[in-house]
Amino acid sequence: FGFVPSQEAGELQDEIDTFAAILSDALDIEVTGIVSTDYTALGVALGENQVQMGAFGPAGYVLASRNYDNLELLAQSVRFGDSTYHAQWYTNDPSICGADPVQGAFYYDADGNVVAVGPTATPALQVGWNADKTQDTAVSAGLACPEPVDLSVVVGKTIAFPGETSTSGYIFPTIQLINAGITDDQYESLFFGGSHDLAVTAVYNGDAQIGLSFDDARRSIREDFPDVGEKIIVFNISPRIANDVIAINADLPDDLKDAIFQAMADYIATDEGALVMEQLYSWTDLTRADATTEASLEPIGDAIDELGFG
């Protein structure tokens, strides 16, 4: 079972080993969890049958499926009841807001427009808040600008991107910049091998003024930096993105595919499984992949084609 780090690989491996052991017991088959360097490498490994399953960001899966015909969607992740997520734009410079930042977040109105909302009004759990909508007193509550800020504020600044094959960490945000008439010679780019927590840390430490990640990756560094919520301020978000997927070797027996999905779904429904999967990827549930899942990935393929690396 291959994974790609959304955080530091060493920390990810501990959670993967726990997850693999649970699957081994449930399936009565030895399951080994490995950390791949990026989604490109994981796609090759799955396509060449070096691994039989893989957890992919949506763009990583789309790219891999174009190169190999033995990949099959098994499941799609759910985060706090939502089968989509988005990129968040954030900064260490509160003046970008044009007014004092507030405890809050951004989401969508009925027409799909980005609007400011309260910190507990989004499906994704925001830093400094608990699942029961109480505030975590050990961690600063996440700040956001009072209103979405135009992306022109990134011109002349350094942007921390998690990685070039990350849907939320590069692909969708770059399309946003292109649509806003902003070209890559108008800002500097830093990349962090697919690690969202390292991108957040770079902005926290001042190595970049702007950063991208999934919502809300500030949570991934809150134990080391409990004031991250007030130091890193969200100022906009991307359009909706289909959630991560789990792909499997299509040649495996159907009954084994069913058993693998059920074992994962049963585990994530436990308290231990919920904690492990939240630490891995902020997943809170899984759904079996179907035609709707395939259709949800089409906008990602379109974005890849527009950027010219598909």
Protein backbone atom coordinates (compact mmCIF):
# COMPACT_ATOMS: atom_id res chain seq x y z
CA PHE A 1 0.00 0.00 0.00
CA GLY A 2 1.72 3.17 -1.19
CA PHE A 3 1.31 6.62 0.31
CA VAL A 4 2.71 10.05 -0.50
CA PRO A 5 3.55 12.40 2.36
CA SER A 6 1.31 15.39 2.96
CA GLN A 7 3.54 15.93 6.00
CA GLU A 8 7.09 14.92 6.90
CA ALA A 9 7.69 11.37 5.67
CA GLY A 10 9.05 10.05 8.97
CA GLU A 11 5.91 11.05 10.81
CA LEU A 12 3.73 9.59 8.06
CA GLN A 13 5.47 6.19 8.21
CA ASP A 14 4.46 5.62 11.84
CA GLU A 15 0.78 6.06 11.01
CA ILE A 16 1.09 3.96 7.84
CA ASP A 17 2.63 1.06 9.77
CA THR A 18 -0.31 1.11 12.17
CA PHE A 19 -2.80 1.19 9.29
CA ALA A 20 -1.03 -1.62 7.41
CA ALA A 21 -1.02 -3.84 10.50
CA ILE A 22 -4.77 -3.40 10.89
CA LEU A 23 -5.35 -4.33 7.25
CA SER A 24 -3.07 -7.35 7.58
CA ASP A 25 -5.12 -8.67 10.50
CA ALA A 26 -8.46 -7.99 8.80
CA LEU A 27 -7.49 -9.56 5.46
CA ASP A 28 -5.21 -12.33 6.76
CA ILE A 29 -2.71 -11.13 4.14
CA GLU A 30 0.53 -9.34 4.89
CA VAL A 31 0.13 -5.68 3.98
CA THR A 32 3.19 -3.44 3.90
CA GLY A 33 2.85 0.32 3.88
CA ILE A 34 5.45 2.34 2.00
CA VAL A 35 6.05 6.06 1.59
CA SER A 36 6.65 7.07 -2.01
CA THR A 37 8.57 10.20 -2.94
CA ASP A 38 5.68 11.74 -4.90
CA TYR A 39 2.52 10.85 -6.82
CA THR A 40 4.45 10.32 -10.05
CA ALA A 41 6.58 7.63 -8.42
CA LEU A 42 3.54 6.07 -6.77
CA GLY A 43 1.72 5.94 -10.11
CA VAL A 44 4.65 4.12 -11.69
CA ALA A 45 4.84 1.70 -8.75
CA LEU A 46 1.14 0.87 -9.01
CA GLY A 47 1.19 0.66 -12.79
CA GLU A 48 4.20 -1.69 -12.69
CA ASN A 49 2.64 -3.79 -9.87
CA GLN A 50 5.37 -2.88 -7.41
CA VAL A 51 2.53 -1.87 -5.10
CA GLN A 52 -1.05 -3.08 -5.40
CA MET A 53 -2.84 -0.11 -3.77
CA GLY A 54 -2.13 3.56 -3.43
CA ALA A 55 -3.57 6.67 -1.81
CA PHE A 56 -3.52 9.45 -4.40
CA GLY A 57 -4.26 13.10 -4.53
CA PRO A 58 -6.78 13.54 -7.34
CA ALA A 59 -4.28 14.97 -9.84
CA GLY A 60 -1.79 12.22 -9.05
CA TYR A 61 -4.39 9.60 -9.88
CA VAL A 62 -5.50 11.32 -13.09
CA LEU A 63 -1.90 11.48 -14.33
CA ALA A 64 -1.18 7.85 -13.39
CA SER A 65 -4.38 6.56 -15.01
CA ARG A 66 -3.36 8.19 -18.28
CA ASN A 67 -0.14 6.19 -18.30
CA TYR A 68 -1.40 2.82 -17.06
CA ASP A 69 -4.63 0.99 -17.85
CA ASN A 70 -4.47 -1.41 -14.88
CA LEU A 71 -5.45 1.21 -12.29
CA GLU A 72 -8.95 1.11 -10.81
CA LEU A 73 -10.59 3.48 -8.38
CA LEU A 74 -11.50 1.70 -5.15
CA ALA A 75 -12.57 4.49 -2.81
CA GLN A 76 -12.77 8.22 -2.31
CA SER A 77 -12.06 9.95 0.96
CA VAL A 78 -14.54 12.05 2.89
CA ARG A 79 -13.46 14.92 5.10
CA PHE A 80 -15.97 15.92 7.75
CA GLY A 81 -18.91 14.84 5.60
CA ASP A 82 -17.69 16.48 2.39
CA SER A 83 -16.44 14.67 -0.73
CA THR A 84 -14.71 17.84 -1.93
CA TYR A 85 -12.08 20.12 -0.45
CA HIS A 86 -10.21 23.22 -1.55
CA ALA A 87 -6.87 24.96 -1.50
CA GLN A 88 -6.36 27.74 0.99
CA TRP A 89 -4.27 30.82 0.28
CA TYR A 90 -2.52 32.11 3.39
CA THR A 91 0.03 34.72 4.45
CA ASN A 92 2.14 35.85 7.38
CA ASP A 93 1.37 39.49 6.56
CA PRO A 94 -1.90 40.68 8.13
CA SER A 95 -1.78 43.93 6.16
CA ILE A 96 -2.79 41.93 3.08
CA CYS A 97 -6.29 41.78 4.57
CA GLY A 98 -6.77 45.54 4.49
CA ALA A 99 -8.45 45.24 7.90
CA ASP A 100 -7.82 43.32 11.10
CA PRO A 101 -7.97 39.52 10.63
CA VAL A 102 -10.78 37.70 12.44
CA GLN A 103 -11.45 34.20 13.72
CA GLY A 104 -13.04 32.69 10.66
CA ALA A 105 -12.67 30.88 7.36
CA PHE A 106 -13.91 30.93 3.77
CA TYR A 107 -16.45 28.72 2.05
CA TYR A 108 -19.04 28.99 -0.74
CA ASP A 109 -22.49 30.50 -0.99
CA ALA A 110 -25.34 28.84 -2.90
CA ASP A 111 -23.98 30.22 -6.18
CA GLY A 112 -20.46 28.94 -5.57
CA ASN A 113 -18.97 32.31 -4.68
CA VAL A 114 -16.27 32.45 -2.01
CA VAL A 115 -17.57 34.12 1.13
CA ALA A 116 -16.35 34.69 4.68
CA VAL A 117 -17.91 32.36 7.27
CA GLY A 118 -17.46 31.55 10.93
CA PRO A 119 -14.65 29.20 11.98
CA THR A 120 -17.02 26.28 12.60
CA ALA A 121 -19.14 26.79 9.46
CA THR A 122 -16.89 24.81 7.11
CA PRO A 123 -16.77 21.01 6.74
CA ALA A 124 -13.00 20.95 7.28
CA LEU A 125 -11.92 21.36 10.89
CA GLN A 126 -10.09 24.66 11.35
CA VAL A 127 -7.00 25.02 13.52
CA GLY A 128 -7.85 25.90 17.11
CA TRP A 129 -11.27 24.24 17.01
CA ASN A 130 -12.54 20.80 18.02
CA ALA A 131 -14.95 18.54 16.15
CA ASP A 132 -17.69 19.40 18.66
CA LYS A 133 -17.27 23.10 17.68
CA THR A 134 -15.62 24.05 20.95
CA GLN A 135 -12.39 26.03 20.93
CA ASP A 136 -9.11 24.26 21.64
CA THR A 137 -7.65 26.43 24.38
CA ALA A 138 -4.15 25.01 23.87
CA VAL A 139 -3.94 26.31 20.30
CA SER A 140 -4.59 29.73 18.78
CA ALA A 141 -7.81 29.87 16.79
CA GLY A 142 -7.24 30.25 13.07
CA LEU A 143 -7.47 33.75 11.64
CA ALA A 144 -8.74 34.80 8.24
CA CYS A 145 -9.21 38.09 6.46
CA PRO A 146 -12.69 39.57 6.98
CA GLU A 147 -13.39 39.22 3.24
CA PRO A 148 -11.71 37.30 0.39
CA VAL A 149 -8.66 39.16 -0.90
CA ASP A 150 -7.86 39.54 -4.61
CA LEU A 151 -5.00 37.30 -5.72
CA SER A 152 -3.11 40.27 -7.16
CA VAL A 153 -1.56 40.62 -3.69
CA VAL A 154 0.84 37.77 -4.55
CA VAL A 155 2.64 39.81 -7.23
CA GLY A 156 6.26 40.41 -6.22
CA LYS A 157 6.13 37.91 -3.37
CA THR A 158 7.45 34.40 -2.74
CA ILE A 159 4.85 31.61 -2.75
CA ALA A 160 5.35 28.29 -0.95
CA PHE A 161 3.77 25.52 -3.05
CA PRO A 162 3.68 22.00 -1.55
CA GLY A 163 4.46 20.38 -4.92
CA GLU A 164 3.83 20.60 -8.66
CA THR A 165 1.61 17.49 -8.80
CA SER A 166 -0.49 18.60 -5.83
CA THR A 167 -4.03 19.53 -6.84
CA SER A 168 -4.58 21.93 -3.95
CA GLY A 169 -0.91 22.77 -3.50
CA TYR A 170 -0.23 23.85 -7.07
CA ILE A 171 -2.59 22.91 -9.91
CA PHE A 172 -5.84 24.64 -8.96
CA PRO A 173 -4.10 27.70 -7.43
CA THR A 174 -1.98 28.14 -10.55
CA ILE A 175 -5.10 28.03 -12.72
CA GLN A 176 -6.56 30.72 -10.44
CA LEU A 177 -3.49 32.88 -11.02
CA ILE A 178 -3.65 32.38 -14.78
CA ASN A 179 -7.33 33.30 -14.80
CA ALA A 180 -6.45 36.44 -12.82
CA GLY A 181 -3.85 37.39 -15.44
CA ILE A 182 -0.90 36.68 -13.13
CA THR A 183 2.07 34.91 -14.72
CA ASP A 184 4.82 32.94 -13.01
CA ASP A 185 7.41 35.65 -13.68
CA GLN A 186 5.46 37.94 -11.32
CA TYR A 187 6.23 35.87 -8.21
CA GLU A 188 8.90 33.54 -6.85
CA SER A 189 8.11 29.88 -6.19
CA LEU A 190 9.32 27.47 -3.52
CA PHE A 191 8.43 23.75 -3.62
CA PHE A 192 8.41 21.23 -0.79
CA GLY A 193 8.18 17.75 -2.30
CA GLY A 194 4.44 17.45 -1.80
CA SER A 195 4.57 18.30 1.90
CA HIS A 196 1.78 20.67 2.91
CA ASP A 197 3.05 21.04 6.46
CA LEU A 198 6.46 22.18 5.20
CA ALA A 199 4.81 24.81 3.02
CA VAL A 200 2.87 26.10 6.03
CA THR A 201 6.06 26.05 8.11
CA ALA A 202 7.93 28.03 5.44
CA VAL A 203 5.38 30.84 5.66
CA TYR A 204 5.33 30.63 9.45
CA ASN A 205 9.13 31.02 9.50
CA GLY A 206 9.13 33.87 6.98
CA ASP A 207 10.81 31.98 4.13
CA ALA A 208 7.82 32.89 1.96
CA GLN A 209 5.12 35.52 2.34
CA ILE A 210 2.34 33.47 0.69
CA GLY A 211 1.53 29.76 0.83
CA LEU A 212 -0.85 27.11 -0.45
CA SER A 213 -2.19 23.94 1.13
CA PHE A 214 -5.33 21.94 1.61
CA ASP A 215 -7.80 23.36 4.12
CA ASP A 216 -6.79 23.47 6.97
CA ALA A 217 -3.17 22.28 6.88
CA ARG A 218 -2.27 24.70 9.68
CA ARG A 219 -3.55 21.94 11.96
CA SER A 220 -0.65 19.70 10.90
CA ILE A 221 1.93 21.89 12.68
CA ARG A 222 -0.16 23.08 15.62
CA GLU A 223 1.62 20.83 18.14
CA ASP A 224 5.02 22.33 17.28
CA PHE A 225 3.68 25.84 16.68
CA PRO A 226 0.53 26.36 18.78
CA ASP A 227 0.27 29.98 17.62
CA VAL A 228 0.14 29.01 13.92
CA GLY A 229 -3.52 29.98 13.74
CA GLU A 230 -2.79 33.63 14.51
CA LYS A 231 0.53 33.82 12.64
CA ILE A 232 -0.76 32.26 9.39
CA ILE A 233 -3.81 34.10 8.02
CA VAL A 234 -6.05 32.64 5.31
CA PHE A 235 -7.07 35.21 2.69
CA ASN A 236 -8.79 33.19 -0.07
CA ILE A 237 -9.60 29.67 -1.27
CA SER A 238 -9.78 27.81 -4.57
CA PRO A 239 -12.82 26.33 -6.31
CA ARG A 240 -13.96 22.93 -5.03
CA ILE A 241 -11.67 19.95 -5.68
CA ALA A 242 -12.62 16.27 -5.65
CA ASN A 243 -11.20 14.52 -2.58
CA ASP A 244 -8.27 12.09 -2.49
CA VAL A 245 -8.80 8.60 -3.85
CA ILE A 246 -7.52 5.10 -3.24
CA ALA A 247 -6.57 3.24 -6.41
CA ILE A 248 -5.97 -0.48 -6.70
CA ASN A 249 -4.56 -2.93 -9.23
CA ALA A 250 -7.54 -3.75 -11.44
CA ASP A 251 -6.35 -7.35 -11.86
CA LEU A 252 -6.89 -8.23 -8.19
CA PRO A 253 -9.92 -10.47 -7.49
CA ASP A 254 -13.17 -8.59 -6.95
CA ASP A 255 -13.79 -10.27 -3.60
CA LEU A 256 -10.39 -9.07 -2.39
CA LYS A 257 -11.16 -5.52 -3.53
CA ASP A 258 -14.43 -5.68 -1.60
CA ALA A 259 -12.67 -7.01 1.50
CA ILE A 260 -9.98 -4.30 1.34
CA PHE A 261 -12.56 -1.53 1.10
CA GLN A 262 -14.62 -2.95 3.95
CA ALA A 263 -11.56 -3.36 6.18
CA MET A 264 -10.56 0.26 5.61
CA ALA A 265 -14.10 1.56 6.12
CA ASP A 266 -14.49 -0.46 9.33
CA TYR A 267 -11.17 0.81 10.69
CA ILE A 268 -11.80 4.48 10.00
CA ALA A 269 -15.14 4.10 11.84
CA THR A 270 -13.28 3.27 15.08
CA ASP A 271 -11.86 5.88 17.44
CA GLU A 272 -8.30 4.67 16.79
CA GLY A 273 -8.83 4.57 13.04
CA ALA A 274 -10.37 8.03 13.01
CA LEU A 275 -7.32 9.41 14.82
CA VAL A 276 -4.80 7.65 12.56
CA MET A 277 -6.54 8.69 9.35
CA GLU A 278 -6.98 12.26 10.58
CA GLN A 279 -3.25 12.41 11.21
CA LEU A 280 -2.44 10.86 7.83
CA TYR A 281 -4.66 12.90 5.51
CA SER A 282 -7.50 14.44 7.56
CA TRP A 283 -9.83 11.73 6.21
CA THR A 284 -12.91 11.05 8.33
CA ASP A 285 -14.69 8.47 6.14
CA LEU A 286 -14.47 6.53 2.88
CA THR A 287 -17.00 5.91 0.12
CA ARG A 288 -16.81 3.22 -2.56
CA ALA A 289 -15.80 4.68 -5.89
CA ASP A 290 -18.37 4.74 -8.72
CA ALA A 291 -19.13 6.62 -11.93
CA THR A 292 -19.77 9.80 -9.94
CA THR A 293 -16.25 9.58 -8.53
CA GLU A 294 -14.81 9.31 -12.03
CA ALA A 295 -16.84 12.31 -13.16
CA SER A 296 -15.65 14.39 -10.20
CA LEU A 297 -12.07 14.03 -11.45
CA GLU A 298 -12.77 15.44 -14.93
CA PRO A 299 -12.20 19.12 -13.95
CA ILE A 300 -8.82 18.10 -12.58
CA GLY A 301 -7.89 16.52 -15.89
CA ASP A 302 -8.97 19.72 -17.64
CA ALA A 303 -6.74 21.78 -15.32
CA ILE A 304 -3.78 19.49 -15.96
CA ASP A 305 -4.29 19.86 -19.70
CA GLU A 306 -4.45 23.65 -19.39
CA LEU A 307 -1.12 23.66 -17.55
CA GLY A 308 0.35 21.41 -20.23
CA PHE A 309 1.89 18.64 -18.20
CA GLY A 310 -0.71 15.90 -18.57
